[in-house]
Protein backbone atom coordinates (compact mmCIF):
# COMPACT_ATOMS: atom_id res chain seq x y z
CA ALA A 1 -42.45 -71.31 -88.12
CA ASP A 2 -40.44 -68.15 -87.58
CA SER A 3 -43.40 -66.20 -86.25
CA THR A 4 -44.30 -69.09 -83.91
CA LEU A 5 -40.81 -69.07 -82.38
CA PHE A 6 -40.87 -65.31 -82.12
CA ASN A 7 -44.25 -65.36 -80.37
CA LYS A 8 -43.01 -68.04 -77.94
CA LEU A 9 -40.11 -65.83 -76.91
CA MET A 10 -42.34 -62.80 -76.48
CA PHE A 11 -44.80 -64.89 -74.43
CA LYS A 12 -41.90 -66.01 -72.23
CA TYR A 13 -40.83 -62.44 -71.50
CA LYS A 14 -44.36 -61.20 -70.84
CA ASN A 15 -45.16 -64.02 -68.45
CA ASN A 16 -41.70 -64.53 -66.94
CA LEU A 17 -41.61 -68.16 -68.11
CA SER A 18 -38.69 -70.29 -69.31
CA ILE A 19 -38.37 -72.10 -72.63
CA ASP A 20 -35.76 -74.59 -73.78
CA GLU A 21 -32.42 -73.13 -74.88
CA THR A 22 -32.65 -74.35 -78.49
CA THR A 23 -35.99 -72.63 -79.04
CA GLU A 24 -34.77 -69.45 -77.39
CA PHE A 25 -31.59 -69.41 -79.49
CA LYS A 26 -33.58 -69.79 -82.71
CA ALA A 27 -36.01 -67.09 -81.62
CA ARG A 28 -33.17 -64.69 -80.82
CA LYS A 29 -31.69 -65.27 -84.29
CA ILE A 30 -35.05 -64.35 -85.79
CA ILE A 31 -35.20 -61.15 -83.74
CA CYS A 32 -31.68 -60.21 -84.88
CA LYS A 33 -32.58 -60.89 -88.52
CA LYS A 34 -35.79 -58.86 -88.24
CA TYR A 35 -33.76 -55.96 -86.83
CA LEU A 36 -31.01 -56.23 -89.45
CA ASP A 37 -33.56 -56.42 -92.26
CA LYS A 38 -34.91 -53.06 -91.09
CA ILE A 39 -31.57 -51.24 -91.02
CA ILE A 40 -29.51 -52.86 -93.82
CA ASP A 41 -30.05 -51.52 -97.31
CA TYR A 42 -29.80 -54.64 -99.49
CA ASP A 43 -30.59 -52.61 -102.61
CA VAL A 44 -27.53 -50.39 -102.16
CA GLU A 45 -26.08 -51.09 -105.64
CA ARG A 46 -29.04 -49.56 -107.44
CA LYS A 47 -29.10 -46.50 -105.18
CA TRP A 48 -25.33 -45.93 -105.03
CA VAL A 49 -24.04 -42.60 -106.36
CA ASP A 50 -20.43 -42.56 -107.57
CA ILE A 51 -18.03 -40.36 -105.60
CA PRO A 52 -15.73 -38.27 -107.86
CA LEU A 53 -12.80 -38.34 -105.40
CA LEU A 54 -12.63 -42.15 -105.48
CA LYS A 55 -10.32 -43.94 -107.92
CA THR A 56 -11.41 -47.41 -106.84
CA GLU A 57 -14.82 -49.04 -107.25
CA LEU A 58 -16.04 -50.17 -103.83
CA LYS A 59 -17.17 -53.71 -103.25
CA GLN A 60 -20.82 -54.41 -102.47
CA HIS A 61 -20.28 -54.80 -98.71
CA GLN A 62 -18.25 -51.57 -98.58
CA LYS A 63 -21.05 -49.60 -100.26
CA ARG A 64 -23.48 -51.14 -97.80
CA ASP A 65 -21.22 -50.18 -94.88
CA VAL A 66 -20.99 -46.56 -96.07
CA ARG A 67 -24.79 -46.42 -96.18
CA MET A 68 -24.93 -47.95 -92.71
CA ILE A 69 -22.52 -45.33 -91.35
CA GLU A 70 -24.82 -42.66 -92.80
CA LYS A 71 -27.84 -44.34 -91.26
CA PHE A 72 -26.14 -44.24 -87.85
CA LYS A 73 -25.27 -40.55 -88.41
CA GLY A 74 -21.53 -41.12 -88.57
CA ARG A 75 -21.10 -42.64 -85.10
CA CYS A 76 -20.58 -46.37 -85.29
CA LEU A 77 -18.36 -49.42 -85.01
CA ILE A 78 -17.20 -50.98 -88.29
CA GLY A 79 -16.63 -54.55 -87.18
CA GLU A 80 -15.88 -56.28 -90.50
CA GLY A 81 -13.13 -58.91 -90.53
CA MET A 82 -9.48 -58.36 -91.36
CA GLY A 83 -8.86 -57.50 -95.01
CA SER A 84 -12.44 -56.45 -95.72
CA GLY A 85 -11.54 -52.84 -96.54
CA LYS A 86 -12.65 -51.02 -93.40
CA THR A 87 -10.07 -48.26 -94.01
CA LEU A 88 -11.33 -47.49 -97.52
CA THR A 89 -14.93 -47.61 -96.30
CA SER A 90 -14.11 -44.95 -93.70
CA ILE A 91 -12.20 -42.81 -96.20
CA THR A 92 -15.14 -42.98 -98.61
CA PHE A 93 -17.57 -41.73 -95.97
CA VAL A 94 -15.22 -38.86 -95.06
CA LEU A 95 -14.68 -37.75 -98.67
CA LYS A 96 -18.33 -38.19 -99.63
CA HIS A 97 -19.36 -35.73 -96.92
CA ASN A 98 -16.20 -33.56 -97.05
CA LEU A 99 -15.47 -34.14 -93.35
CA LEU A 100 -12.18 -32.28 -93.10
CA PRO A 101 -9.99 -31.87 -91.17
CA PHE A 102 -10.01 -35.60 -90.51
CA LEU A 103 -8.13 -37.21 -87.62
CA VAL A 104 -7.01 -40.84 -87.62
CA ILE A 105 -5.75 -42.46 -84.41
CA CYS A 106 -4.38 -45.94 -84.95
CA PRO A 107 -1.56 -48.34 -84.00
CA SER A 108 1.90 -47.28 -85.18
CA SER A 109 1.99 -50.07 -87.77
CA MET A 110 -1.18 -48.74 -89.45
CA LYS A 111 -0.22 -45.06 -89.91
CA TYR A 112 1.30 -45.40 -93.36
CA THR A 113 -1.36 -47.90 -94.38
CA TRP A 114 -3.93 -45.09 -93.97
CA LYS A 115 -1.72 -42.68 -95.93
CA ASN A 116 -1.20 -45.23 -98.70
CA GLU A 117 -4.93 -45.97 -98.90
CA PHE A 118 -5.63 -42.27 -99.49
CA GLU A 119 -2.96 -42.06 -102.18
CA ARG A 120 -3.83 -45.35 -103.87
CA HIS A 121 -7.62 -45.19 -103.92
CA THR A 122 -8.53 -41.49 -104.02
CA HIS A 123 -7.88 -38.24 -105.88
CA PHE A 124 -7.52 -36.40 -102.57
CA LYS A 125 -5.15 -33.43 -103.06
CA GLY A 126 -5.08 -32.08 -99.50
CA LYS A 127 -2.24 -32.50 -97.03
CA ILE A 128 -1.78 -35.88 -95.36
CA VAL A 129 0.20 -35.39 -92.17
CA VAL A 130 1.69 -38.44 -90.45
CA ILE A 131 2.79 -37.51 -86.94
CA ASP A 132 6.01 -39.27 -85.96
CA GLY A 133 7.60 -38.58 -82.57
CA GLU A 134 8.44 -35.01 -81.60
CA LYS A 135 8.14 -33.35 -85.01
CA TRP A 136 5.56 -33.62 -87.74
CA ASN A 137 5.76 -32.77 -91.48
CA LYS A 138 7.06 -29.25 -91.89
CA GLY A 139 5.43 -26.73 -94.18
CA ILE A 140 1.95 -27.00 -92.63
CA THR A 141 0.30 -23.65 -91.92
CA GLU A 142 -2.99 -22.85 -90.19
CA GLU A 143 -4.59 -22.53 -93.62
CA ASP A 144 -3.57 -26.12 -94.41
CA ILE A 145 -5.27 -27.64 -91.39
CA GLU A 146 -8.88 -27.42 -92.59
CA PRO A 147 -8.49 -29.57 -95.75
CA ALA A 148 -5.97 -31.92 -94.17
CA VAL A 149 -5.81 -35.47 -92.84
CA PHE A 150 -3.78 -36.05 -89.68
CA ILE A 151 -2.64 -39.55 -88.72
CA ILE A 152 -1.21 -40.35 -85.29
CA ASN A 153 -0.68 -43.53 -83.28
CA TYR A 154 -2.13 -44.22 -79.83
CA ASP A 155 1.30 -44.07 -78.18
CA LEU A 156 1.68 -40.38 -79.09
CA VAL A 157 -1.73 -38.96 -78.12
CA ASP A 158 -0.49 -38.02 -74.65
CA LYS A 159 2.46 -36.03 -76.05
CA TRP A 160 0.27 -34.37 -78.71
CA GLN A 161 -2.82 -33.85 -76.57
CA LYS A 162 -2.60 -30.04 -76.54
CA PHE A 163 -2.38 -29.84 -80.32
CA LEU A 164 -5.07 -32.48 -80.94
CA THR A 165 -7.58 -30.79 -78.62
CA SER A 166 -6.96 -27.38 -80.21
CA ILE A 167 -8.31 -28.39 -83.64
CA GLU A 168 -12.01 -28.53 -84.54
CA TRP A 169 -12.01 -31.94 -86.21
CA SER A 170 -14.92 -32.77 -88.50
CA CYS A 171 -14.44 -36.52 -88.11
CA CYS A 172 -12.21 -38.96 -86.25
CA ALA A 173 -11.42 -42.61 -87.00
CA LEU A 174 -10.20 -44.83 -84.17
CA ASP A 175 -8.61 -47.81 -85.87
CA GLU A 176 -8.12 -51.06 -83.94
CA ILE A 177 -10.31 -49.57 -81.21
CA HIS A 178 -9.73 -52.62 -79.00
CA LYS A 179 -6.24 -51.20 -78.35
CA ILE A 180 -7.92 -48.84 -75.85
CA LYS A 181 -10.33 -51.39 -74.40
CA SER A 182 -9.54 -50.44 -70.77
CA TYR A 183 -11.73 -47.46 -69.89
CA LYS A 184 -9.54 -46.74 -66.84
CA SER A 185 -6.27 -46.32 -68.75
CA LYS A 186 -4.70 -42.89 -69.22
CA ARG A 187 -4.55 -43.36 -72.99
CA THR A 188 -8.28 -44.11 -73.18
CA GLN A 189 -9.11 -41.03 -71.12
CA ILE A 190 -7.01 -38.83 -73.41
CA VAL A 191 -8.66 -40.24 -76.53
CA ARG A 192 -12.08 -39.61 -74.98
CA LYS A 193 -11.09 -35.99 -74.27
CA ILE A 194 -9.90 -35.50 -77.85
CA THR A 195 -12.99 -37.05 -79.41
CA LYS A 196 -15.64 -35.63 -77.07
CA PRO A 197 -16.45 -32.54 -79.19
CA ILE A 198 -16.27 -34.41 -82.54
CA SER A 199 -19.63 -35.08 -84.20
CA TYR A 200 -18.57 -37.97 -86.43
CA ILE A 201 -16.61 -40.84 -84.88
CA LEU A 202 -15.82 -44.07 -86.71
CA THR A 203 -14.38 -46.95 -84.71
CA LEU A 204 -12.81 -49.88 -86.54
CA SER A 205 -11.92 -53.36 -85.32
CA GLY A 206 -11.97 -56.90 -86.63
CA THR A 207 -12.00 -58.07 -82.99
CA PRO A 208 -14.12 -55.55 -81.05
CA ILE A 209 -14.48 -57.96 -78.10
CA PRO A 210 -11.05 -59.63 -77.64
CA ASN A 211 -11.85 -61.33 -74.32
CA ARG A 212 -14.82 -60.03 -72.33
CA VAL A 213 -18.03 -58.26 -73.31
CA ILE A 214 -17.24 -55.40 -70.89
CA GLU A 215 -14.36 -54.47 -73.20
CA LEU A 216 -16.94 -53.25 -75.70
CA PHE A 217 -18.04 -50.61 -73.20
CA THR A 218 -15.21 -48.21 -74.09
CA THR A 219 -16.02 -48.39 -77.80
CA LEU A 220 -19.73 -47.80 -77.29
CA ASN A 221 -19.06 -45.03 -74.82
């Protein structure tokens, strides 16, 4: 039955014909499932290799998400729902591949959540710098930057732009990416400038499309 629906949809496209909406919807679901079956590693538990820097055992979906990030070469949107552990998933990927220095840009309310997740779930011994206002944690030298994690909120990227663009970041996480959904805004343009040279970019959001599909453009871009 699945292959029949799939063939109907393909026949429609090839011959520019129309089919009823119910059939098309079912066919599209089949196409999505066929695609997901190709890229999702359902046997992740058996293949998973423990990461020494982790204190906490990841849940099945988090292990799968780490493998998916790897499959997409470290440039992806983690769109799991609220409370699903997106932060720990991102941290795991970073530590597994030693992607330091690591930059986190997030809402102000999430800065210490990221710091606490590092301290609670990992054996990470490097510096964790939370940038607050004009001054950041003292005692950081140039030698400390490479193995460090820097956490800043979106409201401060303009003020800290010169510093943030001067560092060769290995990876950047943009938490609650929908906060910069307007591609025309000054804040979005600054974040794009900061992240442009970074090879690995993780975007996180439980609501990647708050209102309109066009809002996803900034994330994908």
